[in-house]
């Protein structure tokens, strides 16, 4: 099964989405950490009342996590699940 073209295509589609998204998220997170450590003055700039840029960046970490999870669910539903379902049915038929 692992050597089938469909399984290889499933792996390719999975990796083509997850690897770049993982790198992008880690870069975004690293930017937040670096800015928090070395750009404290910038991160302390007040935007609205007691809300500063650092707080906004921190909250955006949560927002981006949920957006990535939502985008992955849509990607999986459209691009991965149909192939995975077909492969699962083929394996179950052989058992």
C-alpha atoms as a PDB file:
ATOM      1  CA  UNK A   1       0.000   0.000   0.000  1.00  0.00           C
ATOM      2  CA  UNK A   2       2.782   2.422   0.918  1.00  0.00           C
ATOM      3  CA  UNK A   3       4.322   2.083  -2.516  1.00  0.00           C
ATOM      4  CA  UNK A   4       1.099   2.830  -4.401  1.00  0.00           C
ATOM      5  CA  UNK A   5       0.877   6.023  -6.427  1.00  0.00           C
ATOM      6  CA  UNK A   6      -2.188   7.162  -4.500  1.00  0.00           C
ATOM      7  CA  UNK A   7      -0.476   6.791  -1.123  1.00  0.00           C
ATOM      8  CA  UNK A   8       2.568   8.666  -2.407  1.00  0.00           C
ATOM      9  CA  UNK A   9       0.269  11.419  -3.705  1.00  0.00           C
ATOM     10  CA  UNK A  10      -1.425  11.620  -0.303  1.00  0.00           C
ATOM     11  CA  UNK A  11       1.963  12.016   1.403  1.00  0.00           C
ATOM     12  CA  UNK A  12       3.041  14.621  -1.147  1.00  0.00           C
ATOM     13  CA  UNK A  13      -0.109  16.701  -0.646  1.00  0.00           C
ATOM     14  CA  UNK A  14       0.189  16.463   3.123  1.00  0.00           C
ATOM     15  CA  UNK A  15       3.831  17.528   3.134  1.00  0.00           C
ATOM     16  CA  UNK A  16       3.324  20.259   0.537  1.00  0.00           C
ATOM     17  CA  UNK A  17       0.911  21.981   2.927  1.00  0.00           C
ATOM     18  CA  UNK A  18       2.235  21.164   6.372  1.00  0.00           C
ATOM     19  CA  UNK A  19       5.954  21.804   5.907  1.00  0.00           C
ATOM     20  CA  UNK A  20       5.642  25.373   4.546  1.00  0.00           C
ATOM     21  CA  UNK A  21       2.923  26.219   7.071  1.00  0.00           C
ATOM     22  CA  UNK A  22       5.047  24.879   9.924  1.00  0.00           C
ATOM     23  CA  UNK A  23       8.035  26.940   8.793  1.00  0.00           C
ATOM     24  CA  UNK A  24       5.847  30.046   8.446  1.00  0.00           C
ATOM     25  CA  UNK A  25       4.334  29.624  11.899  1.00  0.00           C
ATOM     26  CA  UNK A  26       7.688  28.955  13.555  1.00  0.00           C
ATOM     27  CA  UNK A  27       9.140  32.055  11.869  1.00  0.00           C
ATOM     28  CA  UNK A  28       6.172  34.107  13.102  1.00  0.00           C
ATOM     29  CA  UNK A  29       6.593  32.727  16.623  1.00  0.00           C
ATOM     30  CA  UNK A  30      10.353  33.326  16.568  1.00  0.00           C
ATOM     31  CA  UNK A  31       9.714  36.922  15.478  1.00  0.00           C
ATOM     32  CA  UNK A  32       7.480  37.361  18.524  1.00  0.00           C
ATOM     33  CA  UNK A  33      10.110  35.889  20.861  1.00  0.00           C
ATOM     34  CA  UNK A  34      12.938  37.941  19.345  1.00  0.00           C
ATOM     35  CA  UNK A  35      10.901  41.137  19.434  1.00  0.00           C
ATOM     36  CA  UNK A  36       9.958  40.458  23.054  1.00  0.00           C
ATOM     37  CA  UNK A  37      13.598  40.022  23.995  1.00  0.00           C
ATOM     38  CA  UNK A  38      15.372  42.643  21.938  1.00  0.00           C
ATOM     39  CA  UNK A  39      12.766  45.227  20.929  1.00  0.00           C
ATOM     40  CA  UNK A  40      11.173  45.831  24.297  1.00  0.00           C
ATOM     41  CA  UNK A  41      10.647  49.511  23.619  1.00  0.00           C
ATOM     42  CA  UNK A  42       8.715  48.759  20.444  1.00  0.00           C
ATOM     43  CA  UNK A  43       6.703  45.992  22.062  1.00  0.00           C
ATOM     44  CA  UNK A  44       5.826  48.343  24.951  1.00  0.00           C
ATOM     45  CA  UNK A  45       4.300  50.995  22.676  1.00  0.00           C
ATOM     46  CA  UNK A  46       0.733  51.582  23.835  1.00  0.00           C
ATOM     47  CA  UNK A  47      -1.866  51.267  21.118  1.00  0.00           C
ATOM     48  CA  UNK A  48      -5.118  51.681  22.999  1.00  0.00           C
ATOM     49  CA  UNK A  49      -5.250  52.290  26.739  1.00  0.00           C
ATOM     50  CA  UNK A  50      -3.088  49.656  28.424  1.00  0.00           C
ATOM     51  CA  UNK A  51      -2.983  47.496  25.288  1.00  0.00           C
ATOM     52  CA  UNK A  52       0.485  47.495  23.776  1.00  0.00           C
ATOM     53  CA  UNK A  53       2.039  45.989  20.663  1.00  0.00           C
ATOM     54  CA  UNK A  54       3.464  43.064  22.655  1.00  0.00           C
ATOM     55  CA  UNK A  55       0.018  42.081  23.877  1.00  0.00           C
ATOM     56  CA  UNK A  56      -1.376  42.321  20.359  1.00  0.00           C
ATOM     57  CA  UNK A  57       1.465  40.149  19.010  1.00  0.00           C
ATOM     58  CA  UNK A  58       0.831  37.618  21.778  1.00  0.00           C
ATOM     59  CA  UNK A  59      -2.880  37.443  21.070  1.00  0.00           C
ATOM     60  CA  UNK A  60      -2.175  37.131  17.354  1.00  0.00           C
ATOM     61  CA  UNK A  61      -0.203  33.968  18.150  1.00  0.00           C
ATOM     62  CA  UNK A  62      -3.451  32.391  19.330  1.00  0.00           C
ATOM     63  CA  UNK A  63      -5.389  33.756  16.361  1.00  0.00           C
ATOM     64  CA  UNK A  64      -2.835  32.433  13.896  1.00  0.00           C
ATOM     65  CA  UNK A  65      -2.894  29.011  15.564  1.00  0.00           C
ATOM     66  CA  UNK A  66      -6.655  28.762  15.178  1.00  0.00           C
ATOM     67  CA  UNK A  67      -6.506  30.050  11.593  1.00  0.00           C
ATOM     68  CA  UNK A  68      -3.901  27.464  10.678  1.00  0.00           C
ATOM     69  CA  UNK A  69      -5.982  24.694  12.254  1.00  0.00           C
ATOM     70  CA  UNK A  70      -9.070  25.883  10.355  1.00  0.00           C
ATOM     71  CA  UNK A  71      -7.134  26.145   7.076  1.00  0.00           C
ATOM     72  CA  UNK A  72      -5.670  22.678   7.566  1.00  0.00           C
ATOM     73  CA  UNK A  73      -9.117  21.209   8.204  1.00  0.00           C
ATOM     74  CA  UNK A  74     -10.348  22.729   4.934  1.00  0.00           C
ATOM     75  CA  UNK A  75      -7.260  21.517   3.079  1.00  0.00           C
ATOM     76  CA  UNK A  76      -7.610  18.007   4.485  1.00  0.00           C
ATOM     77  CA  UNK A  77     -11.305  17.861   3.664  1.00  0.00           C
ATOM     78  CA  UNK A  78     -10.756  18.870   0.043  1.00  0.00           C
ATOM     79  CA  UNK A  79      -7.360  17.408  -0.836  1.00  0.00           C
ATOM     80  CA  UNK A  80      -6.478  14.632   1.606  1.00  0.00           C
ATOM     81  CA  UNK A  81      -9.663  12.981   2.829  1.00  0.00           C
ATOM     82  CA  UNK A  82     -10.899  11.778  -0.576  1.00  0.00           C
ATOM     83  CA  UNK A  83      -7.631   9.943  -1.240  1.00  0.00           C
ATOM     84  CA  UNK A  84      -7.381   8.646   2.328  1.00  0.00           C
ATOM     85  CA  UNK A  85     -10.966   7.352   2.201  1.00  0.00           C
ATOM     86  CA  UNK A  86     -10.306   5.562  -1.081  1.00  0.00           C
ATOM     87  CA  UNK A  87      -7.139   3.959   0.306  1.00  0.00           C
ATOM     88  CA  UNK A  88      -8.920   2.942   3.511  1.00  0.00           C
ATOM     89  CA  UNK A  89     -11.689   1.241   1.519  1.00  0.00           C
ATOM     90  CA  UNK A  90      -9.113  -0.613  -0.586  1.00  0.00           C
ATOM     91  CA  UNK A  91      -7.303  -1.857   2.515  1.00  0.00           C
ATOM     92  CA  UNK A  92     -10.553  -2.898   4.213  1.00  0.00           C
ATOM     93  CA  UNK A  93     -11.624  -4.845   1.116  1.00  0.00           C
ATOM     94  CA  UNK A  94      -8.362  -6.816   1.189  1.00  0.00           C
ATOM     95  CA  UNK A  95      -8.900  -7.832   4.816  1.00  0.00           C
END
